[in-house]
Structure formats: structure tokens, C-alpha cells
Amino acid sequence: MPNIFDAIPGTLEAEIFDRLVDSEGVTVERIVSRGHTSPESGWYDQPHNEWVMVLRGEAVLEFVDGRSLTLRAGDYLTLPAHQKHKVAWTKPDCDTVWLAVHY
């Protein structure tokens, strides 16, 4: 049986994005970060809503209006469509495992 914490490589050159469910109108993915951040070049501006939860690790999300939000294991939030945001920081010495639902 699959486990959300399985198959995480020892070395992560880049974040991992694994689609767990992909159906009409809903995508569920696992994201694994280890010290990774969003590209400096811009903001995520997604055409759909996203519910995201940190299952393990820590992260800081930054918003275009200057707010930042620290997420720890168990924290979750909904990002409405077109809410510009980026990942400003993830814990560098452990995996930050996210569960994201795009709808």
C-alpha cells in the first residue's frame, strides 16, 4: 500500500511534485521540499483554489501584500484562485512534506 512518506530520495536537487489523484476538477499532489524556495522571478498566480497542508517539516509562505505565514506540521490553509504567493523558506535539514489539493 502506498504511503505519503515513502520514496523520498536522500538527495533533492529540486522539489518533488507527485500527482496522487488527477481527475476532472481536482488534483491532489504531494510536494517534498528540503530548503527549497519559489523562484525569485515571480509569484504563483494559480487559476484554481488550492488547499495545502504541511504534514512534516516547516515552511514560510509570503504574499504579494507583504504578509508572511509560518506553517508547521499539521497547519493548513486555503489559497483562493489568483492569490499571489511564494514559498519563502523551507526547513533545510529535513523534508517538508506538503499535501496540496487543487480544485
PDB file of N, CA and C in Angstrom:
ATOM      1  N   MET A   1       0.848  -1.167   0.000  1.00  0.00           N
ATOM      2  CA  MET A   1       0.000   0.000   0.000  1.00  0.00           C
ATOM      3  C   MET A   1       0.903   1.243   0.000  1.00  0.00           C
ATOM      4  N   PRO A   2       0.584   2.243  -0.816  1.00  0.00           N
ATOM      5  CA  PRO A   2       1.396   3.469  -0.849  1.00  0.00           C
ATOM      6  C   PRO A   2       1.324   4.227   0.481  1.00  0.00           C
ATOM      7  N   ASN A   3       2.408   4.948   0.778  1.00  0.00           N
ATOM      8  CA  ASN A   3       2.481   5.784   1.977  1.00  0.00           C
ATOM      9  C   ASN A   3       3.035   7.137   1.552  1.00  0.00           C
ATOM     10  N   ILE A   4       2.466   8.218   2.052  1.00  0.00           N
ATOM     11  CA  ILE A   4       2.834   9.581   1.660  1.00  0.00           C
ATOM     12  C   ILE A   4       4.303   9.878   1.945  1.00  0.00           C
ATOM     13  N   PHE A   5       4.905   9.173   2.898  1.00  0.00           N
ATOM     14  CA  PHE A   5       6.296   9.424   3.274  1.00  0.00           C
ATOM     15  C   PHE A   5       7.282   8.484   2.586  1.00  0.00           C
ATOM     16  N   ASP A   6       6.797   7.589   1.729  1.00  0.00           N
ATOM     17  CA  ASP A   6       7.675   6.661   1.009  1.00  0.00           C
ATOM     18  C   ASP A   6       8.312   7.325  -0.207  1.00  0.00           C
ATOM     19  N   ALA A   7       9.400   6.716  -0.665  1.00  0.00           N
ATOM     20  CA  ALA A   7      10.065   7.064  -1.932  1.00  0.00           C
ATOM     21  C   ALA A   7      10.548   8.509  -1.980  1.00  0.00           C
ATOM     22  N   ILE A   8      11.063   9.002  -0.865  1.00  0.00           N
ATOM     23  CA  ILE A   8      11.683  10.328  -0.849  1.00  0.00           C
ATOM     24  C   ILE A   8      13.188  10.107  -0.933  1.00  0.00           C
ATOM     25  N   PRO A   9      13.833  10.607  -1.989  1.00  0.00           N
ATOM     26  CA  PRO A   9      15.265  10.372  -2.154  1.00  0.00           C
ATOM     27  C   PRO A   9      16.096  11.043  -1.058  1.00  0.00           C
ATOM     28  N   GLY A  10      17.291  10.517  -0.831  1.00  0.00           N
ATOM     29  CA  GLY A  10      18.197  11.087   0.151  1.00  0.00           C
ATOM     30  C   GLY A  10      18.708  12.458  -0.247  1.00  0.00           C
ATOM     31  N   THR A  11      18.841  12.690  -1.546  1.00  0.00           N
ATOM     32  CA  THR A  11      19.295  13.976  -2.067  1.00  0.00           C
ATOM     33  C   THR A  11      18.200  14.566  -2.939  1.00  0.00           C
ATOM     34  N   LEU A  12      17.883  15.847  -2.715  1.00  0.00           N
ATOM     35  CA  LEU A  12      16.864  16.531  -3.515  1.00  0.00           C
ATOM     36  C   LEU A  12      17.494  17.720  -4.224  1.00  0.00           C
ATOM     37  N   GLU A  13      17.769  17.570  -5.495  1.00  0.00           N
ATOM     38  CA  GLU A  13      18.276  18.697  -6.290  1.00  0.00           C
ATOM     39  C   GLU A  13      17.187  19.751  -6.471  1.00  0.00           C
ATOM     40  N   ALA A  14      15.969  19.283  -6.636  1.00  0.00           N
ATOM     41  CA  ALA A  14      14.813  20.161  -6.833  1.00  0.00           C
ATOM     42  C   ALA A  14      13.651  19.588  -6.039  1.00  0.00           C
ATOM     43  N   GLU A  15      12.637  20.418  -5.823  1.00  0.00           N
ATOM     44  CA  GLU A  15      11.443  19.937  -5.144  1.00  0.00           C
ATOM     45  C   GLU A  15      10.822  18.790  -5.940  1.00  0.00           C
ATOM     46  N   ILE A  16      10.117  17.928  -5.241  1.00  0.00           N
ATOM     47  CA  ILE A  16       9.392  16.827  -5.879  1.00  0.00           C
ATOM     48  C   ILE A  16       7.906  17.172  -5.883  1.00  0.00           C
ATOM     49  N   PHE A  17       7.275  17.020  -7.038  1.00  0.00           N
ATOM     50  CA  PHE A  17       5.834  17.198  -7.190  1.00  0.00           C
ATOM     51  C   PHE A  17       5.274  15.884  -7.723  1.00  0.00           C
ATOM     52  N   ASP A  18       4.542  15.157  -6.886  1.00  0.00           N
ATOM     53  CA  ASP A  18       3.946  13.873  -7.275  1.00  0.00           C
ATOM     54  C   ASP A  18       2.433  14.002  -7.297  1.00  0.00           C
ATOM     55  N   ARG A  19       1.833  13.767  -8.466  1.00  0.00           N
ATOM     56  CA  ARG A  19       0.367  13.768  -8.555  1.00  0.00           C
ATOM     57  C   ARG A  19      -0.150  12.446  -8.032  1.00  0.00           C
ATOM     58  N   LEU A  20      -0.966  12.533  -6.997  1.00  0.00           N
ATOM     59  CA  LEU A  20      -1.535  11.335  -6.387  1.00  0.00           C
ATOM     60  C   LEU A  20      -2.913  11.031  -6.957  1.00  0.00           C
ATOM     61  N   VAL A  21      -3.673  12.081  -7.263  1.00  0.00           N
ATOM     62  CA  VAL A  21      -5.002  11.961  -7.861  1.00  0.00           C
ATOM     63  C   VAL A  21      -5.124  13.065  -8.895  1.00  0.00           C
ATOM     64  N   ASP A  22      -5.609  12.718 -10.059  1.00  0.00           N
ATOM     65  CA  ASP A  22      -5.820  13.716 -11.107  1.00  0.00           C
ATOM     66  C   ASP A  22      -7.123  13.364 -11.809  1.00  0.00           C
ATOM     67  N   SER A  23      -8.178  14.093 -11.440  1.00  0.00           N
ATOM     68  CA  SER A  23      -9.468  13.844 -12.061  1.00  0.00           C
ATOM     69  C   SER A  23     -10.082  15.175 -12.454  1.00  0.00           C
ATOM     70  N   GLU A  24     -11.180  15.119 -13.122  1.00  0.00           N
ATOM     71  CA  GLU A  24     -11.820  16.330 -13.606  1.00  0.00           C
ATOM     72  C   GLU A  24     -12.129  17.277 -12.442  1.00  0.00           C
ATOM     73  N   GLY A  25     -11.468  18.411 -12.434  1.00  0.00           N
ATOM     74  CA  GLY A  25     -11.733  19.440 -11.438  1.00  0.00           C
ATOM     75  C   GLY A  25     -10.948  19.342 -10.143  1.00  0.00           C
ATOM     76  N   VAL A  26     -10.233  18.220  -9.909  1.00  0.00           N
ATOM     77  CA  VAL A  26      -9.480  18.061  -8.663  1.00  0.00           C
ATOM     78  C   VAL A  26      -8.143  17.379  -8.942  1.00  0.00           C
ATOM     79  N   THR A  27      -7.084  17.960  -8.380  1.00  0.00           N
ATOM     80  CA  THR A  27      -5.764  17.331  -8.408  1.00  0.00           C
ATOM     81  C   THR A  27      -5.226  17.322  -6.987  1.00  0.00           C
ATOM     82  N   VAL A  28      -4.720  16.170  -6.568  1.00  0.00           N
ATOM     83  CA  VAL A  28      -4.089  16.046  -5.257  1.00  0.00           C
ATOM     84  C   VAL A  28      -2.632  15.706  -5.511  1.00  0.00           C
ATOM     85  N   GLU A  29      -1.738  16.455  -4.854  1.00  0.00           N
ATOM     86  CA  GLU A  29      -0.332  16.167  -5.052  1.00  0.00           C
ATOM     87  C   GLU A  29       0.438  16.205  -3.745  1.00  0.00           C
ATOM     88  N   ARG A  30       1.516  15.455  -3.744  1.00  0.00           N
ATOM     89  CA  ARG A  30       2.482  15.508  -2.660  1.00  0.00           C
ATOM     90  C   ARG A  30       3.637  16.351  -3.167  1.00  0.00           C
ATOM     91  N   ILE A  31       4.067  17.285  -2.333  1.00  0.00           N
ATOM     92  CA  ILE A  31       5.227  18.112  -2.647  1.00  0.00           C
ATOM     93  C   ILE A  31       6.246  17.867  -1.547  1.00  0.00           C
ATOM     94  N   VAL A  32       7.505  17.667  -1.922  1.00  0.00           N
ATOM     95  CA  VAL A  32       8.573  17.494  -0.944  1.00  0.00           C
ATOM     96  C   VAL A  32       9.625  18.563  -1.191  1.00  0.00           C
ATOM     97  N   SER A  33       9.903  19.339  -0.147  1.00  0.00           N
ATOM     98  CA  SER A  33      10.902  20.402  -0.189  1.00  0.00           C
ATOM     99  C   SER A  33      11.949  20.121   0.879  1.00  0.00           C
ATOM    100  N   ARG A  34      13.175  20.532   0.610  1.00  0.00           N
ATOM    101  CA  ARG A  34      14.239  20.437   1.617  1.00  0.00           C
ATOM    102  C   ARG A  34      15.147  21.648   1.428  1.00  0.00           C
ATOM    103  N   GLY A  35      14.726  22.768   2.014  1.00  0.00           N
ATOM    104  CA  GLY A  35      15.466  24.007   1.838  1.00  0.00           C
ATOM    105  C   GLY A  35      15.127  24.723   0.544  1.00  0.00           C
ATOM    106  N   HIS A  36      14.144  24.247  -0.196  1.00  0.00           N
ATOM    107  CA  HIS A  36      13.764  24.850  -1.468  1.00  0.00           C
ATOM    108  C   HIS A  36      12.834  26.040  -1.252  1.00  0.00           C
ATOM    109  N   THR A  37      12.886  26.971  -2.182  1.00  0.00           N
ATOM    110  CA  THR A  37      12.003  28.139  -2.184  1.00  0.00           C
ATOM    111  C   THR A  37      11.465  28.342  -3.591  1.00  0.00           C
ATOM    112  N   SER A  38      10.502  29.233  -3.711  1.00  0.00           N
ATOM    113  CA  SER A  38       9.976  29.582  -5.035  1.00  0.00           C
ATOM    114  C   SER A  38      11.039  30.337  -5.815  1.00  0.00           C
ATOM    115  N   PRO A  39      10.971  30.290  -7.148  1.00  0.00           N
ATOM    116  CA  PRO A  39      11.912  31.063  -7.954  1.00  0.00           C
ATOM    117  C   PRO A  39      11.798  32.556  -7.637  1.00  0.00           C
ATOM    118  N   GLU A  40      12.914  33.250  -7.669  1.00  0.00           N
ATOM    119  CA  GLU A  40      12.939  34.687  -7.390  1.00  0.00           C
ATOM    120  C   GLU A  40      12.170  35.494  -8.432  1.00  0.00           C
ATOM    121  N   SER A  41      11.942  34.923  -9.585  1.00  0.00           N
ATOM    122  CA  SER A  41      11.407  35.668 -10.730  1.00  0.00           C
ATOM    123  C   SER A  41       9.937  36.055 -10.638  1.00  0.00           C
ATOM    124  N   GLY A  42       9.197  35.531  -9.672  1.00  0.00           N
ATOM    125  CA  GLY A  42       7.785  35.906  -9.648  1.00  0.00           C
ATOM    126  C   GLY A  42       6.991  35.196  -8.589  1.00  0.00           C
ATOM    127  N   TRP A  43       5.689  35.358  -8.687  1.00  0.00           N
ATOM    128  CA  TRP A  43       4.738  34.831  -7.724  1.00  0.00           C
ATOM    129  C   TRP A  43       3.902  33.732  -8.366  1.00  0.00           C
ATOM    130  N   TYR A  44       3.481  32.757  -7.548  1.00  0.00           N
ATOM    131  CA  TYR A  44       2.474  31.819  -8.021  1.00  0.00           C
ATOM    132  C   TYR A  44       1.159  32.586  -8.127  1.00  0.00           C
ATOM    133  N   ASP A  45       0.497  32.453  -9.255  1.00  0.00           N
ATOM    134  CA  ASP A  45      -0.798  33.097  -9.511  1.00  0.00           C
ATOM    135  C   ASP A  45      -1.661  32.054 -10.201  1.00  0.00           C
ATOM    136  N   GLN A  46      -2.222  31.161  -9.414  1.00  0.00           N
ATOM    137  CA  GLN A  46      -2.895  29.973  -9.930  1.00  0.00           C
ATOM    138  C   GLN A  46      -4.340  30.265 -10.303  1.00  0.00           C
ATOM    139  N   PRO A  47      -4.828  29.666 -11.373  1.00  0.00           N
ATOM    140  CA  PRO A  47      -6.202  29.894 -11.815  1.00  0.00           C
ATOM    141  C   PRO A  47      -7.245  29.105 -11.015  1.00  0.00           C
ATOM    142  N   HIS A  48      -6.802  28.341 -10.012  1.00  0.00           N
ATOM    143  CA  HIS A  48      -7.713  27.497  -9.243  1.00  0.00           C
ATOM    144  C   HIS A  48      -7.425  27.672  -7.746  1.00  0.00           C
ATOM    145  N   ASN A  49      -8.355  27.262  -6.919  1.00  0.00           N
ATOM    146  CA  ASN A  49      -8.149  27.258  -5.476  1.00  0.00           C
ATOM    147  C   ASN A  49      -7.187  26.135  -5.111  1.00  0.00           C
ATOM    148  N   GLU A  50      -6.468  26.340  -3.998  1.00  0.00           N
ATOM    149  CA  GLU A  50      -5.563  25.302  -3.503  1.00  0.00           C
ATOM    150  C   GLU A  50      -5.699  25.218  -1.985  1.00  0.00           C
ATOM    151  N   TRP A  51      -5.955  24.015  -1.496  1.00  0.00           N
ATOM    152  CA  TRP A  51      -5.906  23.736  -0.066  1.00  0.00           C
ATOM    153  C   TRP A  51      -4.592  23.018   0.163  1.00  0.00           C
ATOM    154  N   VAL A  52      -3.788  23.504   1.110  1.00  0.00           N
ATOM    155  CA  VAL A  52      -2.473  22.923   1.329  1.00  0.00           C
ATOM    156  C   VAL A  52      -2.249  22.683   2.817  1.00  0.00           C
ATOM    157  N   MET A  53      -1.583  21.557   3.120  1.00  0.00           N
ATOM    158  CA  MET A  53      -1.265  21.194   4.496  1.00  0.00           C
ATOM    159  C   MET A  53       0.182  20.738   4.565  1.00  0.00           C
ATOM    160  N   VAL A  54       0.887  21.166   5.610  1.00  0.00           N
ATOM    161  CA  VAL A  54       2.231  20.661   5.866  1.00  0.00           C
ATOM    162  C   VAL A  54       2.090  19.433   6.756  1.00  0.00           C
ATOM    163  N   LEU A  55       2.535  18.298   6.255  1.00  0.00           N
ATOM    164  CA  LEU A  55       2.450  17.046   7.001  1.00  0.00           C
ATOM    165  C   LEU A  55       3.680  16.815   7.866  1.00  0.00           C
ATOM    166  N   ARG A  56       4.823  17.330   7.384  1.00  0.00           N
ATOM    167  CA  ARG A  56       6.098  17.172   8.102  1.00  0.00           C
ATOM    168  C   ARG A  56       6.967  18.365   7.721  1.00  0.00           C
ATOM    169  N   GLY A  57       7.758  18.862   8.674  1.00  0.00           N
ATOM    170  CA  GLY A  57       8.678  19.955   8.385  1.00  0.00           C
ATOM    171  C   GLY A  57       8.073  21.311   8.686  1.00  0.00           C
ATOM    172  N   GLU A  58       8.660  22.344   8.073  1.00  0.00           N
ATOM    173  CA  GLU A  58       8.215  23.720   8.259  1.00  0.00           C
ATOM    174  C   GLU A  58       8.438  24.505   6.984  1.00  0.00           C
ATOM    175  N   ALA A  59       7.629  25.564   6.813  1.00  0.00           N
ATOM    176  CA  ALA A  59       7.748  26.426   5.642  1.00  0.00           C
ATOM    177  C   ALA A  59       7.230  27.815   5.981  1.00  0.00           C
ATOM    178  N   VAL A  60       7.664  28.785   5.200  1.00  0.00           N
ATOM    179  CA  VAL A  60       7.136  30.138   5.292  1.00  0.00           C
ATOM    180  C   VAL A  60       6.589  30.508   3.924  1.00  0.00           C
ATOM    181  N   LEU A  61       5.314  30.884   3.889  1.00  0.00           N
ATOM    182  CA  LEU A  61       4.700  31.419   2.677  1.00  0.00           C
ATOM    183  C   LEU A  61       4.725  32.936   2.774  1.00  0.00           C
ATOM    184  N   GLU A  62       4.964  33.569   1.654  1.00  0.00           N
ATOM    185  CA  GLU A  62       4.961  35.031   1.572  1.00  0.00           C
ATOM    186  C   GLU A  62       3.906  35.439   0.560  1.00  0.00           C
ATOM    187  N   PHE A  63       3.230  36.542   0.843  1.00  0.00           N
ATOM    188  CA  PHE A  63       2.163  37.022  -0.025  1.00  0.00           C
ATOM    189  C   PHE A  63       2.555  38.367  -0.623  1.00  0.00           C
ATOM    190  N   VAL A  64       1.986  38.681  -1.780  1.00  0.00           N
ATOM    191  CA  VAL A  64       2.348  39.884  -2.522  1.00  0.00           C
ATOM    192  C   VAL A  64       2.113  41.159  -1.705  1.00  0.00           C
ATOM    193  N   ASP A  65       1.201  41.109  -0.736  1.00  0.00           N
ATOM    194  CA  ASP A  65       0.930  42.290   0.095  1.00  0.00           C
ATOM    195  C   ASP A  65       1.925  42.453   1.246  1.00  0.00           C
ATOM    196  N   GLY A  66       2.946  41.577   1.314  1.00  0.00           N
ATOM    197  CA  GLY A  66       3.977  41.691   2.333  1.00  0.00           C
ATOM    198  C   GLY A  66       3.782  40.791   3.545  1.00  0.00           C
ATOM    199  N   ARG A  67       2.616  40.161   3.669  1.00  0.00           N
ATOM    200  CA  ARG A  67       2.392  39.245   4.787  1.00  0.00           C
ATOM    201  C   ARG A  67       3.217  37.980   4.607  1.00  0.00           C
ATOM    202  N   SER A  68       3.571  37.361   5.732  1.00  0.00           N
ATOM    203  CA  SER A  68       4.179  36.035   5.682  1.00  0.00           C
ATOM    204  C   SER A  68       3.500  35.158   6.713  1.00  0.00           C
ATOM    205  N   LEU A  69       3.546  33.873   6.475  1.00  0.00           N
ATOM    206  CA  LEU A  69       2.847  32.915   7.313  1.00  0.00           C
ATOM    207  C   LEU A  69       3.742  31.694   7.486  1.00  0.00           C
ATOM    208  N   THR A  70       4.010  31.327   8.725  1.00  0.00           N
ATOM    209  CA  THR A  70       4.802  30.134   9.014  1.00  0.00           C
ATOM    210  C   THR A  70       3.859  28.949   9.177  1.00  0.00           C
ATOM    211  N   LEU A  71       4.170  27.869   8.470  1.00  0.00           N
ATOM    212  CA  LEU A  71       3.391  26.628   8.546  1.00  0.00           C
ATOM    213  C   LEU A  71       4.266  25.537   9.146  1.00  0.00           C
ATOM    214  N   ARG A  72       3.732  24.860  10.141  1.00  0.00           N
ATOM    215  CA  ARG A  72       4.401  23.727  10.772  1.00  0.00           C
ATOM    216  C   ARG A  72       3.541  22.479  10.561  1.00  0.00           C
ATOM    217  N   ALA A  73       4.072  21.331  10.908  1.00  0.00           N
ATOM    218  CA  ALA A  73       3.343  20.076  10.716  1.00  0.00           C
ATOM    219  C   ALA A  73       1.934  20.175  11.294  1.00  0.00           C
ATOM    220  N   GLY A  74       0.951  19.871  10.465  1.00  0.00           N
ATOM    221  CA  GLY A  74      -0.451  19.910  10.856  1.00  0.00           C
ATOM    222  C   GLY A  74      -1.169  21.183  10.459  1.00  0.00           C
ATOM    223  N   ASP A  75      -0.420  22.245  10.114  1.00  0.00           N
ATOM    224  CA  ASP A  75      -1.048  23.502   9.698  1.00  0.00           C
ATOM    225  C   ASP A  75      -1.539  23.405   8.259  1.00  0.00           C
ATOM    226  N   TYR A  76      -2.673  24.031   7.987  1.00  0.00           N
ATOM    227  CA  TYR A  76      -3.220  24.039   6.630  1.00  0.00           C
ATOM    228  C   TYR A  76      -3.918  25.359   6.363  1.00  0.00           C
ATOM    229  N   LEU A  77      -4.100  25.658   5.080  1.00  0.00           N
ATOM    230  CA  LEU A  77      -4.831  26.851   4.681  1.00  0.00           C
ATOM    231  C   LEU A  77      -5.343  26.693   3.262  1.00  0.00           C
ATOM    232  N   THR A  78      -6.286  27.553   2.912  1.00  0.00           N
ATOM    233  CA  THR A  78      -6.804  27.611   1.554  1.00  0.00           C
ATOM    234  C   THR A  78      -6.258  28.856   0.884  1.00  0.00           C
ATOM    235  N   LEU A  79      -5.706  28.670  -0.293  1.00  0.00           N
ATOM    236  CA  LEU A  79      -5.233  29.771  -1.120  1.00  0.00           C
ATOM    237  C   LEU A  79      -6.248  29.958  -2.245  1.00  0.00           C
ATOM    238  N   PRO A  80      -7.027  31.035  -2.204  1.00  0.00           N
ATOM    239  CA  PRO A  80      -8.008  31.251  -3.265  1.00  0.00           C
ATOM    240  C   PRO A  80      -7.322  31.449  -4.616  1.00  0.00           C
ATOM    241  N   ALA A  81      -8.030  31.144  -5.673  1.00  0.00           N
ATOM    242  CA  ALA A  81      -7.505  31.358  -7.026  1.00  0.00           C
ATOM    243  C   ALA A  81      -6.977  32.783  -7.141  1.00  0.00           C
ATOM    244  N   HIS A  82      -5.829  32.916  -7.774  1.00  0.00           N
ATOM    245  CA  HIS A  82      -5.162  34.190  -8.065  1.00  0.00           C
ATOM    246  C   HIS A  82      -4.633  34.927  -6.831  1.00  0.00           C
ATOM    247  N   GLN A  83      -4.563  34.262  -5.671  1.00  0.00           N
ATOM    248  CA  GLN A  83      -3.893  34.881  -4.530  1.00  0.00           C
ATOM    249  C   GLN A  83      -2.390  34.678  -4.728  1.00  0.00           C
ATOM    250  N   LYS A  84      -1.710  35.753  -5.055  1.00  0.00           N
ATOM    251  CA  LYS A  84      -0.282  35.653  -5.360  1.00  0.00           C
ATOM    252  C   LYS A  84       0.497  35.330  -4.091  1.00  0.00           C
ATOM    253  N   HIS A  85       1.350  34.300  -4.212  1.00  0.00           N
ATOM    254  CA  HIS A  85       2.125  33.825  -3.075  1.00  0.00           C
ATOM    255  C   HIS A  85       3.386  33.140  -3.558  1.00  0.00           C
ATOM    256  N   LYS A  86       4.305  32.917  -2.623  1.00  0.00           N
ATOM    257  CA  LYS A  86       5.504  32.137  -2.925  1.00  0.00           C
ATOM    258  C   LYS A  86       5.983  31.457  -1.657  1.00  0.00           C
ATOM    259  N   VAL A  87       6.794  30.445  -1.835  1.00  0.00           N
ATOM    260  CA  VAL A  87       7.424  29.769  -0.703  1.00  0.00           C
ATOM    261  C   VAL A  87       8.740  30.507  -0.452  1.00  0.00           C
ATOM    262  N   ALA A  88       8.818  31.199   0.688  1.00  0.00           N
ATOM    263  CA  ALA A  88       9.991  31.995   1.017  1.00  0.00           C
ATOM    264  C   ALA A  88      11.084  31.172   1.698  1.00  0.00           C
ATOM    265  N   TRP A  89      10.680  30.056   2.354  1.00  0.00           N
ATOM    266  CA  TRP A  89      11.645  29.255   3.119  1.00  0.00           C
ATOM    267  C   TRP A  89      11.047  27.900   3.412  1.00  0.00           C
ATOM    268  N   THR A  90      11.872  26.867   3.343  1.00  0.00           N
ATOM    269  CA  THR A  90      11.518  25.558   3.888  1.00  0.00           C
ATOM    270  C   THR A  90      12.711  25.074   4.700  1.00  0.00           C
ATOM    271  N   LYS A  91      12.427  24.283   5.668  1.00  0.00           N
ATOM    272  CA  LYS A  91      13.459  23.798   6.588  1.00  0.00           C
ATOM    273  C   LYS A  91      14.555  23.066   5.799  1.00  0.00           C
ATOM    274  N   PRO A  92      15.808  23.488   5.936  1.00  0.00           N
ATOM    275  CA  PRO A  92      16.862  22.903   5.109  1.00  0.00           C
ATOM    276  C   PRO A  92      17.377  21.544   5.581  1.00  0.00           C
ATOM    277  N   ASP A  93      17.165  21.201   6.854  1.00  0.00           N
ATOM    278  CA  ASP A  93      17.769  19.982   7.386  1.00  0.00           C
ATOM    279  C   ASP A  93      16.794  18.815   7.521  1.00  0.00           C
ATOM    280  N   CYS A  94      15.588  18.965   6.975  1.00  0.00           N
ATOM    281  CA  CYS A  94      14.636  17.847   6.966  1.00  0.00           C
ATOM    282  C   CYS A  94      13.660  18.052   5.813  1.00  0.00           C
ATOM    283  N   ASP A  95      12.914  17.021   5.519  1.00  0.00           N
ATOM    284  CA  ASP A  95      11.906  17.108   4.461  1.00  0.00           C
ATOM    285  C   ASP A  95      10.701  17.899   4.954  1.00  0.00           C
ATOM    286  N   THR A  96      10.243  18.822   4.129  1.00  0.00           N
ATOM    287  CA  THR A  96       8.935  19.423   4.334  1.00  0.00           C
ATOM    288  C   THR A  96       8.010  18.734   3.344  1.00  0.00           C
ATOM    289  N   VAL A  97       7.050  17.993   3.865  1.00  0.00           N
ATOM    290  CA  VAL A  97       6.128  17.225   3.030  1.00  0.00           C
ATOM    291  C   VAL A  97       4.779  17.929   3.072  1.00  0.00           C
ATOM    292  N   TRP A  98       4.313  18.324   1.897  1.00  0.00           N
ATOM    293  CA  TRP A  98       3.050  19.032   1.735  1.00  0.00           C
ATOM    294  C   TRP A  98       2.017  18.110   1.092  1.00  0.00           C
ATOM    295  N   LEU A  99       0.764  18.318   1.430  1.00  0.00           N
ATOM    296  CA  LEU A  99      -0.341  17.716   0.712  1.00  0.00           C
ATOM    297  C   LEU A  99      -1.135  18.877   0.132  1.00  0.00           C
ATOM    298  N   ALA A 100      -1.266  18.918  -1.181  1.00  0.00           N
ATOM    299  CA  ALA A 100      -1.950  20.017  -1.852  1.00  0.00           C
ATOM    300  C   ALA A 100      -3.125  19.479  -2.653  1.00  0.00           C
ATOM    301  N   VAL A 101      -4.263  20.145  -2.487  1.00  0.00           N
ATOM    302  CA  VAL A 101      -5.473  19.798  -3.239  1.00  0.00           C
ATOM    303  C   VAL A 101      -5.841  21.016  -4.079  1.00  0.00           C
ATOM    304  N   HIS A 102      -5.787  20.852  -5.390  1.00  0.00           N
ATOM    305  CA  HIS A 102      -6.133  21.918  -6.336  1.00  0.00           C
ATOM    306  C   HIS A 102      -7.550  21.647  -6.839  1.00  0.00           C
ATOM    307  N   TYR A 103      -8.403  22.656  -6.760  1.00  0.00           N
ATOM    308  CA  TYR A 103      -9.793  22.463  -7.180  1.00  0.00           C
ATOM    309  C   TYR A 103     -10.361  23.741  -7.754  1.00  0.00           C
TER     310      TYR A 103
END
